[in-house]
Amino acid sequence: MLHLKKGFLMLVLVMVFLGLLAGCSGSKETSSEEGGDAKVTLRMVESITSPARTKLLKKMISKFEKENPDIKVELISPPLKSADEKITQMLMAKEDIDVLEVREQTVKNFANNKFIEDLSRYTSQWKDWDTLTETIKHGATAVDHNPYYIPYGVYEKTLFYRKDWFEEAGIKVPETWDELVDAAIKLTDKSKNRYGYSFRGGAGAADYIEFMTWSYLGKNIVQNDAYFTKDGKTMFETAEAKQVLDTYLKLYKEASPPDSVSWSYPEMVQGFTSGMTAMLIQDPEVIVTAEENMKKGTWATAPLPKGTPSGVAQQPAGTAGWGIGAYSKHKDEAWKLVSFLSSPEQNLYFAKNNSLIPIHLSAGDDPYFKEGYFSSYIQMNAKPEEFLIADRPVEYKGYAEYRAMADKDIQALLLGKLSKDDALAKWSDFWKKEKANKK
């Protein structure tokens, strides 16, 4: 009997010992968030992926990890074509995503479905919020005026021009669309295969009809619903819209290569960098291409042409940046990473190496942006009363359908198969119906 009691006592002691071990083990795992030995691992997903950019991000993350030894970052880089879809699927599955890339075309969907965190409680105490440009603040607070992401840069268009051609012809750099058309015609010499303007008549042509019309209408458009005017009309049923199509057709017929009727982004950029055209309106990534293919001093940039008589230029400010997943278990640590990447020092580094317009006002003091090819972008951001932001109506169900339709209609217009009046009436009717259906 004594032998049995001793055996039972020994069994109890073993069980207690094992229980203590398990308790210690569990305590050590949870202590990782309370300053223990283990690290917090943040899952970060990017969207606009490329080998060069992923390498750049990893370098910045490595610096963050050195400054925050208790945090490890796992960067997930889906293929570019399916990245946004992949991120949406992860969010719908309530996966534990801590930091994710949010874009102007995804932020409303993510915010409305409560996939991403409202960052107000962080930005209200963030010392760098007040140093952001108005364009960046506008992008960050596009949904209900609350910040759902911190953009890391801006994709805006500006005027690229052949400085040597302008100096040779004694023509000043155009400041308005009317001046641009006049200069383009003067610089066109078809016998030398020289043309004044890199026209876009193919995919994406609707972009140029948009911001030309906005510039002519000026402050009469509704900023956050920019296909409509303040008096309730569609922008396509205005006198200014007819003026824009006249200008657009004149620019094509008298100052652009004939085959630019089908040009999209690659062709119009190549037209400029190869020495065929004198002017191009495009995003800042063209700067790298131009630096690689053109002689220094032969080209420069200038602010986007303004409308007449409005005296303003308007365009959408394309933004993308970093948000925090609503299902993250480490939101404070995620904000540490977002605020690190968004700091003036780190953002300047990212912008320089990724051909972007920086997000902080202080970037205007950096010689690289103040005096170089980016200076026109800095000038525009410094004058928000002259260079305005217009928001595309991307939340309407028919927006994608309209864009595809408009590109085809513009080609038909350029080829003489569709009249200006018919094109404008078609687009106006489309958006009247969209507006009615939205109500």
Protein backbone atom coordinates (compact mmCIF):
# COMPACT_ATOMS: atom_id res chain seq x y z
CA MET A 1 0.00 0.00 0.00
CA LEU A 2 2.85 2.35 0.92
CA HIS A 3 4.47 1.54 -2.42
CA LEU A 4 1.26 2.53 -4.25
CA LYS A 5 0.99 5.79 -2.32
CA LYS A 6 4.57 6.70 -3.17
CA GLY A 7 3.91 5.96 -6.83
CA PHE A 8 0.77 8.08 -6.85
CA LEU A 9 2.59 10.95 -5.15
CA MET A 10 5.39 10.76 -7.71
CA LEU A 11 2.84 10.88 -10.56
CA VAL A 12 1.20 13.96 -9.07
CA LEU A 13 4.56 15.70 -8.71
CA VAL A 14 5.47 14.92 -12.35
CA MET A 15 2.12 16.32 -13.55
CA VAL A 16 2.57 19.49 -11.49
CA PHE A 17 6.10 19.91 -12.85
CA LEU A 18 4.89 19.49 -16.45
CA GLY A 19 2.11 21.97 -15.78
CA LEU A 20 4.60 24.51 -14.51
CA LEU A 21 6.73 24.01 -17.60
CA ALA A 22 3.74 24.53 -19.85
CA GLY A 23 2.79 27.65 -17.91
CA CYS A 24 6.30 29.07 -18.22
CA SER A 25 6.36 28.27 -21.92
CA GLY A 26 3.01 29.97 -22.53
CA SER A 27 4.09 33.00 -20.52
CA LYS A 28 7.24 33.35 -22.62
CA GLU A 29 5.27 33.33 -25.91
CA THR A 30 2.86 36.06 -24.81
CA SER A 31 5.71 38.11 -23.37
CA SER A 32 6.90 38.92 -26.89
CA GLU A 33 4.44 41.82 -26.92
CA GLU A 34 5.45 42.85 -23.41
CA GLY A 35 9.18 43.22 -23.97
CA GLY A 36 10.18 39.52 -23.90
CA ASP A 37 12.79 37.79 -26.01
CA ALA A 38 10.58 36.98 -29.03
CA LYS A 39 9.92 39.59 -31.74
CA VAL A 40 6.65 40.96 -33.05
CA THR A 41 6.37 40.02 -36.72
CA LEU A 42 4.55 42.48 -38.99
CA ARG A 43 3.12 41.23 -42.29
CA MET A 44 3.40 43.94 -44.95
CA VAL A 45 1.88 43.61 -48.45
CA GLU A 46 2.82 45.83 -51.39
CA SER A 47 0.75 46.36 -54.53
CA ILE A 48 2.67 48.29 -57.21
CA THR A 49 5.40 45.69 -57.28
CA SER A 50 8.61 45.64 -59.30
CA PRO A 51 11.97 44.01 -58.58
CA ALA A 52 13.70 47.37 -58.17
CA ARG A 53 11.06 48.82 -55.87
CA THR A 54 10.84 45.67 -53.73
CA LYS A 55 14.63 45.79 -53.29
CA LEU A 56 14.34 49.45 -52.27
CA LEU A 57 11.61 48.68 -49.72
CA LYS A 58 13.60 45.82 -48.22
CA LYS A 59 16.55 48.15 -47.71
CA MET A 60 14.33 50.65 -45.88
CA ILE A 61 12.73 47.87 -43.82
CA SER A 62 16.16 46.62 -42.81
CA LYS A 63 16.95 50.06 -41.40
CA PHE A 64 13.63 50.10 -39.55
CA GLU A 65 14.36 46.68 -38.03
CA LYS A 66 17.77 47.88 -36.80
CA GLU A 67 16.12 50.86 -35.12
CA ASN A 68 13.36 48.62 -33.72
CA PRO A 69 15.08 45.33 -32.77
CA ASP A 70 11.87 43.97 -31.21
CA ILE A 71 10.02 44.11 -34.57
CA LYS A 72 10.53 41.92 -37.64
CA VAL A 73 8.84 42.75 -40.98
CA GLU A 74 7.75 40.12 -43.48
CA LEU A 75 7.30 41.79 -46.90
CA ILE A 76 4.83 40.09 -49.25
CA SER A 77 5.15 41.09 -52.93
CA PRO A 78 2.40 39.61 -55.18
CA PRO A 79 2.72 39.89 -58.99
CA LEU A 80 1.78 43.40 -60.14
CA LYS A 81 -1.19 42.36 -62.33
CA SER A 82 -2.98 40.54 -59.52
CA ALA A 83 -1.67 42.40 -56.48
CA ASP A 84 -4.76 44.48 -55.68
CA GLU A 85 -6.98 41.44 -56.16
CA LYS A 86 -4.71 39.39 -53.89
CA ILE A 87 -4.80 42.06 -51.18
CA THR A 88 -8.59 42.27 -51.39
CA GLN A 89 -8.89 38.48 -51.02
CA MET A 90 -6.61 38.53 -47.97
CA LEU A 91 -8.67 41.28 -46.38
CA MET A 92 -11.97 39.54 -47.11
CA ALA A 93 -10.58 36.40 -45.47
CA LYS A 94 -9.72 38.54 -42.41
CA GLU A 95 -6.08 37.57 -42.66
CA ASP A 96 -3.69 39.15 -40.23
CA ILE A 97 -2.24 41.89 -42.45
CA ASP A 98 -0.52 44.63 -40.49
CA VAL A 99 0.62 47.10 -43.15
CA LEU A 100 -0.69 47.18 -46.71
CA GLU A 101 -0.41 49.33 -49.79
CA VAL A 102 -3.55 51.39 -50.34
CA ARG A 103 -4.24 53.27 -53.58
CA GLU A 104 -6.64 56.04 -54.59
CA GLN A 105 -8.71 53.45 -56.49
CA THR A 106 -8.87 50.99 -53.58
CA VAL A 107 -9.14 53.21 -50.50
CA LYS A 108 -12.92 53.73 -50.68
CA ASN A 109 -13.61 50.03 -51.05
CA PHE A 110 -11.23 49.11 -48.23
CA ALA A 111 -12.55 51.83 -45.89
CA ASN A 112 -16.25 51.24 -46.59
CA ASN A 113 -15.83 47.51 -45.93
CA LYS A 114 -13.87 48.28 -42.74
CA PHE A 115 -10.83 46.42 -44.05
CA ILE A 116 -8.43 49.18 -43.02
CA GLU A 117 -7.95 51.28 -39.91
CA ASP A 118 -8.89 54.93 -39.54
CA LEU A 119 -5.50 56.43 -38.67
CA SER A 120 -6.85 59.57 -36.96
CA ARG A 121 -5.74 58.50 -33.49
CA TYR A 122 -2.19 58.20 -34.81
CA THR A 123 -2.02 61.21 -37.12
CA SER A 124 -3.47 63.51 -34.43
CA GLN A 125 -0.25 62.93 -32.46
CA TRP A 126 2.14 62.57 -35.40
CA LYS A 127 4.58 65.48 -35.58
CA ASP A 128 5.03 65.07 -39.35
CA TRP A 129 1.34 65.41 -40.30
CA ASP A 130 1.48 69.20 -40.55
CA THR A 131 4.51 69.06 -42.85
CA LEU A 132 2.59 67.11 -45.53
CA THR A 133 1.61 68.93 -48.73
CA GLU A 134 -2.07 69.76 -49.29
CA THR A 135 -2.16 67.26 -52.17
CA ILE A 136 -1.04 64.46 -49.86
CA LYS A 137 -3.50 65.43 -47.12
CA HIS A 138 -6.25 65.46 -49.75
CA GLY A 139 -5.35 61.93 -50.86
CA ALA A 140 -5.01 60.62 -47.32
CA THR A 141 -8.42 61.95 -46.25
CA ALA A 142 -10.37 61.15 -49.44
CA VAL A 143 -12.89 59.00 -47.53
CA ASP A 144 -15.10 60.90 -45.07
CA HIS A 145 -12.25 63.34 -44.43
CA ASN A 146 -10.47 60.73 -42.30
CA PRO A 147 -6.92 59.50 -42.95
CA TYR A 148 -7.01 55.84 -43.98
CA TYR A 149 -3.49 55.75 -45.42
CA ILE A 150 -0.38 57.90 -45.67
CA PRO A 151 0.59 58.37 -49.33
CA TYR A 152 4.27 57.86 -50.11
CA GLY A 153 4.23 60.05 -53.21
CA VAL A 154 2.18 61.69 -55.92
CA TYR A 155 1.67 60.79 -59.55
CA GLU A 156 0.95 64.11 -61.26
CA LYS A 157 1.39 65.22 -64.82
CA THR A 158 3.63 68.03 -65.93
CA LEU A 159 4.95 69.43 -69.21
CA PHE A 160 8.17 67.96 -70.64
CA TYR A 161 9.66 70.09 -73.39
CA ARG A 162 12.67 70.28 -75.71
CA LYS A 163 14.55 73.20 -74.25
CA ASP A 164 16.96 73.36 -77.19
CA TRP A 165 14.14 73.49 -79.77
CA PHE A 166 12.37 76.28 -77.91
CA GLU A 167 15.57 78.33 -77.58
CA GLU A 168 16.43 77.78 -81.25
CA ALA A 169 12.97 78.99 -82.34
CA GLY A 170 12.87 81.84 -79.82
CA ILE A 171 9.60 80.61 -78.31
CA LYS A 172 8.74 80.94 -74.62
CA VAL A 173 7.58 77.93 -72.66
CA PRO A 174 3.75 77.78 -72.80
CA GLU A 175 1.76 78.56 -69.67
CA THR A 176 -1.71 77.97 -71.14
CA TRP A 177 -3.26 75.42 -73.49
CA ASP A 178 -3.67 78.08 -76.18
CA GLU A 179 0.03 78.92 -75.96
CA LEU A 180 0.90 75.22 -76.07
CA VAL A 181 -1.04 74.71 -79.31
CA ASP A 182 0.57 77.78 -80.92
CA ALA A 183 4.06 76.65 -79.90
CA ALA A 184 3.44 73.07 -81.07
CA ILE A 185 2.36 74.26 -84.52
CA LYS A 186 5.40 76.57 -84.84
CA LEU A 187 7.79 73.76 -83.85
CA THR A 188 6.31 71.26 -86.31
CA ASP A 189 8.38 70.56 -89.43
CA LYS A 190 6.97 67.50 -91.16
CA SER A 191 9.81 67.44 -93.72
CA LYS A 192 12.22 66.73 -90.84
CA ASN A 193 9.79 64.35 -89.09
CA ARG A 194 9.58 66.87 -86.27
CA TYR A 195 6.31 67.51 -84.49
CA GLY A 196 5.33 69.88 -81.73
CA TYR A 197 3.45 67.51 -79.48
CA SER A 198 3.42 63.89 -78.31
CA PHE A 199 -0.27 63.22 -78.77
CA ARG A 200 -2.25 60.44 -77.11
CA GLY A 201 -5.07 59.12 -79.24
CA GLY A 202 -5.09 55.49 -78.09
CA ALA A 203 -5.71 53.89 -74.70
CA GLY A 204 -5.84 56.55 -72.00
CA ALA A 205 -6.79 59.39 -74.35
CA ALA A 206 -9.73 60.22 -72.08
CA ASP A 207 -7.23 61.41 -69.45
CA TYR A 208 -6.33 64.40 -71.57
CA ILE A 209 -9.91 65.31 -72.39
CA GLU A 210 -10.55 65.24 -68.64
CA PHE A 211 -7.90 67.59 -67.38
CA MET A 212 -8.14 69.91 -70.38
CA THR A 213 -11.87 70.32 -69.72
CA TRP A 214 -11.27 70.82 -65.99
CA SER A 215 -8.67 73.48 -66.72
CA TYR A 216 -11.03 75.39 -69.02
CA LEU A 217 -13.92 75.15 -66.53
CA GLY A 218 -11.68 76.10 -63.63
CA LYS A 219 -13.36 76.41 -60.26
CA ASN A 220 -16.81 75.76 -61.73
CA ILE A 221 -16.39 72.01 -61.41
CA VAL A 222 -17.34 70.06 -58.28
CA GLN A 223 -13.94 69.04 -56.93
CA ASN A 224 -14.97 65.70 -55.42
CA ASP A 225 -17.31 64.83 -58.31
CA ALA A 226 -15.38 66.35 -61.16
CA TYR A 227 -17.48 65.28 -64.16
CA PHE A 228 -20.12 67.70 -62.93
CA THR A 229 -20.29 71.50 -62.59
CA LYS A 230 -21.56 73.48 -59.64
CA ASP A 231 -24.80 74.32 -61.46
CA GLY A 232 -25.65 70.62 -61.82
CA LYS A 233 -24.59 70.03 -65.43
CA THR A 234 -22.22 67.40 -66.71
CA MET A 235 -18.94 68.94 -67.77
CA PHE A 236 -19.56 67.64 -71.31
CA GLU A 237 -22.59 69.88 -71.92
CA THR A 238 -20.67 73.11 -71.37
CA ALA A 239 -19.32 75.58 -73.93
CA GLU A 240 -15.85 74.91 -72.51
CA ALA A 241 -16.10 71.21 -73.44
CA LYS A 242 -16.67 72.16 -77.10
CA GLN A 243 -13.68 74.49 -76.91
CA VAL A 244 -11.56 71.63 -75.54
CA LEU A 245 -12.47 69.29 -78.42
CA ASP A 246 -11.62 72.05 -80.91
CA THR A 247 -8.23 72.46 -79.24
CA TYR A 248 -7.67 68.72 -79.03
CA LEU A 249 -8.41 68.16 -82.72
CA LYS A 250 -6.26 71.12 -83.79
CA LEU A 251 -3.36 69.82 -81.72
CA TYR A 252 -3.60 66.43 -83.41
CA LYS A 253 -4.12 67.60 -86.99
CA GLU A 254 -1.59 70.44 -87.08
CA ALA A 255 1.15 69.51 -84.60
CA SER A 256 1.23 65.76 -83.95
CA PRO A 257 2.53 62.65 -85.78
CA PRO A 258 -0.29 61.09 -87.86
CA ASP A 259 0.13 57.66 -86.26
CA SER A 260 -0.28 59.17 -82.77
CA VAL A 261 -4.00 58.57 -83.33
CA SER A 262 -3.27 55.19 -81.73
CA TRP A 263 -0.45 56.19 -79.36
CA SER A 264 -0.67 55.28 -75.68
CA TYR A 265 1.86 55.76 -72.88
CA PRO A 266 4.91 53.93 -74.35
CA GLU A 267 4.61 55.47 -77.82
CA MET A 268 4.10 59.05 -76.68
CA VAL A 269 7.09 58.83 -74.32
CA GLN A 270 9.27 57.29 -77.03
CA GLY A 271 8.15 60.02 -79.43
CA PHE A 272 9.56 62.61 -77.07
CA THR A 273 12.74 60.86 -75.94
CA SER A 274 13.66 59.80 -79.52
CA GLY A 275 13.64 63.40 -80.77
CA MET A 276 10.44 63.27 -82.82
CA THR A 277 8.30 65.57 -80.67
CA ALA A 278 8.86 68.84 -78.82
CA MET A 279 6.42 68.45 -75.93
CA LEU A 280 4.95 65.71 -73.78
CA ILE A 281 2.58 65.79 -70.82
CA GLN A 282 3.19 62.87 -68.49
CA ASP A 283 3.96 61.53 -65.01
CA PRO A 284 7.33 61.84 -63.18
CA GLU A 285 8.55 58.33 -64.03
CA VAL A 286 9.33 59.73 -67.51
CA ILE A 287 12.19 61.66 -65.90
CA VAL A 288 14.27 58.50 -65.53
CA THR A 289 13.58 57.45 -69.15
CA ALA A 290 14.48 60.91 -70.45
CA GLU A 291 17.70 61.01 -68.40
CA GLU A 292 18.72 57.65 -69.86
CA ASN A 293 17.92 58.54 -73.49
CA MET A 294 18.41 62.30 -73.91
CA LYS A 295 21.39 64.62 -73.62
CA LYS A 296 21.55 66.75 -70.53
CA GLY A 297 20.47 70.33 -71.18
CA THR A 298 18.30 69.48 -74.19
CA TRP A 299 15.09 69.09 -72.21
CA ALA A 300 13.33 70.40 -69.13
CA THR A 301 9.97 70.39 -67.35
CA ALA A 302 7.40 73.11 -66.68
CA PRO A 303 4.06 73.32 -64.82
CA LEU A 304 0.93 71.95 -66.48
CA PRO A 305 -0.73 74.41 -68.90
CA LYS A 306 -3.67 76.39 -67.52
CA GLY A 307 -7.05 76.97 -69.04
CA THR A 308 -8.21 80.26 -70.57
CA PRO A 309 -9.70 82.36 -69.06
CA SER A 310 -9.87 80.32 -65.82
CA GLY A 311 -6.18 80.76 -65.05
CA VAL A 312 -5.99 77.40 -63.29
CA ALA A 313 -4.96 73.85 -64.12
CA GLN A 314 -6.69 70.81 -62.68
CA GLN A 315 -5.83 67.15 -62.63
CA PRO A 316 -6.36 64.12 -60.41
CA ALA A 317 -3.58 63.56 -57.91
CA GLY A 318 -2.68 59.90 -58.17
CA THR A 319 -1.61 58.64 -54.77
CA ALA A 320 -0.68 55.35 -53.15
CA GLY A 321 0.65 54.72 -49.68
CA TRP A 322 0.63 52.68 -46.51
CA GLY A 323 -2.37 51.76 -44.38
CA ILE A 324 -2.99 49.45 -41.43
CA GLY A 325 -5.17 46.35 -41.69
CA ALA A 326 -8.27 46.34 -39.51
CA TYR A 327 -7.54 42.76 -38.41
CA SER A 328 -3.96 43.48 -37.38
CA LYS A 329 -3.04 42.35 -33.86
CA HIS A 330 -0.11 44.74 -33.74
CA LYS A 331 -1.54 48.10 -34.81
CA ASP A 332 0.77 50.25 -32.70
CA GLU A 333 3.82 48.47 -34.11
CA ALA A 334 2.31 48.78 -37.61
CA TRP A 335 2.00 52.54 -37.12
CA LYS A 336 5.68 52.64 -36.11
CA LEU A 337 6.52 51.19 -39.52
CA VAL A 338 4.10 53.45 -41.43
CA SER A 339 5.36 56.60 -39.69
CA PHE A 340 8.98 55.53 -40.25
CA LEU A 341 8.44 55.04 -43.99
CA SER A 342 6.49 58.32 -44.12
CA SER A 343 9.03 60.45 -42.27
CA PRO A 344 10.64 63.32 -44.21
CA GLU A 345 14.04 61.58 -44.33
CA GLN A 346 12.79 58.16 -45.45
CA ASN A 347 10.19 59.51 -47.87
CA LEU A 348 12.77 61.74 -49.55
CA TYR A 349 15.01 58.69 -50.01
CA PHE A 350 12.11 56.63 -51.41
CA ALA A 351 10.96 59.41 -53.76
CA LYS A 352 14.44 59.98 -55.18
CA ASN A 353 14.95 56.29 -55.85
CA ASN A 354 11.45 55.61 -57.15
CA SER A 355 10.93 58.73 -59.31
CA LEU A 356 8.09 60.18 -57.23
CA ILE A 357 7.04 63.58 -55.95
CA PRO A 358 7.79 63.65 -52.19
CA ILE A 359 5.04 64.15 -49.64
CA HIS A 360 6.59 66.75 -47.31
CA LEU A 361 6.87 70.49 -47.91
CA SER A 362 10.52 70.34 -46.86
CA ALA A 363 11.35 68.42 -50.07
CA GLY A 364 11.14 71.74 -51.89
CA ASP A 365 14.38 72.78 -50.18
CA ASP A 366 16.30 69.77 -51.49
CA PRO A 367 18.38 70.72 -54.57
CA TYR A 368 17.39 67.47 -56.30
CA PHE A 369 13.77 68.61 -56.40
CA LYS A 370 14.18 72.38 -56.14
CA GLU A 371 16.57 72.80 -59.05
CA GLY A 372 16.22 69.63 -61.08
CA TYR A 373 13.61 68.10 -63.36
CA PHE A 374 11.19 67.70 -60.44
CA SER A 375 11.11 71.45 -59.81
CA SER A 376 7.92 71.93 -61.86
CA TYR A 377 6.07 69.49 -59.63
CA ILE A 378 7.29 71.29 -56.51
CA GLN A 379 6.19 74.62 -58.03
CA MET A 380 2.70 73.31 -58.69
CA ASN A 381 2.33 71.86 -55.19
CA ALA A 382 3.44 75.20 -53.73
CA LYS A 383 0.53 76.97 -55.51
CA PRO A 384 -2.61 74.98 -54.61
CA GLU A 385 -4.82 77.95 -55.56
CA GLU A 386 -3.61 77.76 -59.19
CA PHE A 387 -2.96 74.04 -59.61
CA LEU A 388 -6.04 72.33 -58.26
CA ILE A 389 -7.02 68.74 -57.58
CA ALA A 390 -10.02 67.18 -59.31
CA ASP A 391 -11.40 63.82 -58.17
CA ARG A 392 -12.47 61.37 -60.84
CA PRO A 393 -15.93 59.79 -60.29
CA VAL A 394 -14.44 56.35 -59.69
CA GLU A 395 -17.17 55.40 -57.18
CA TYR A 396 -19.84 55.32 -59.93
CA LYS A 397 -20.61 51.84 -61.22
CA GLY A 398 -20.28 52.91 -64.85
CA TYR A 399 -16.89 54.62 -64.58
CA ALA A 400 -14.88 51.75 -66.10
CA GLU A 401 -17.48 51.34 -68.86
CA TYR A 402 -17.27 55.05 -69.67
CA ARG A 403 -13.47 55.02 -69.88
CA ALA A 404 -13.49 52.17 -72.40
CA MET A 405 -16.26 53.85 -74.40
CA ALA A 406 -14.60 57.27 -74.37
CA ASP A 407 -11.26 55.94 -75.69
CA LYS A 408 -13.06 54.37 -78.68
CA ASP A 409 -15.11 57.51 -79.26
CA ILE A 410 -12.01 59.72 -79.21
CA GLN A 411 -10.37 57.60 -81.91
CA ALA A 412 -13.54 57.81 -83.99
CA LEU A 413 -13.55 61.57 -83.46
CA LEU A 414 -9.93 61.89 -84.60
CA LEU A 415 -10.62 59.76 -87.70
CA GLY A 416 -13.68 61.83 -88.63
CA LYS A 417 -16.13 59.01 -87.91
CA LEU A 418 -17.85 60.82 -85.02
CA SER A 419 -18.75 64.50 -84.71
CA LYS A 420 -17.81 66.66 -81.73
CA ASP A 421 -21.45 67.36 -80.92
CA ASP A 422 -22.38 63.68 -81.03
CA ALA A 423 -19.44 62.70 -78.82
CA LEU A 424 -20.25 65.31 -76.19
CA ALA A 425 -23.96 64.45 -76.24
CA LYS A 426 -23.17 60.76 -75.82
CA TRP A 427 -20.86 61.34 -72.86
CA SER A 428 -23.23 63.82 -71.25
CA ASP A 429 -26.21 61.44 -71.50
CA PHE A 430 -24.12 58.65 -70.02
CA TRP A 431 -23.22 60.67 -66.93
CA LYS A 432 -26.72 62.04 -66.45
CA LYS A 433 -27.92 58.45 -66.19
CA GLU A 434 -25.08 57.55 -63.84
CA LYS A 435 -25.98 60.46 -61.58
CA ALA A 436 -29.64 59.49 -61.58
CA ASN A 437 -28.85 55.84 -60.79
CA LYS A 438 -26.57 56.84 -57.94
CA LYS A 439 -29.39 58.68 -56.22
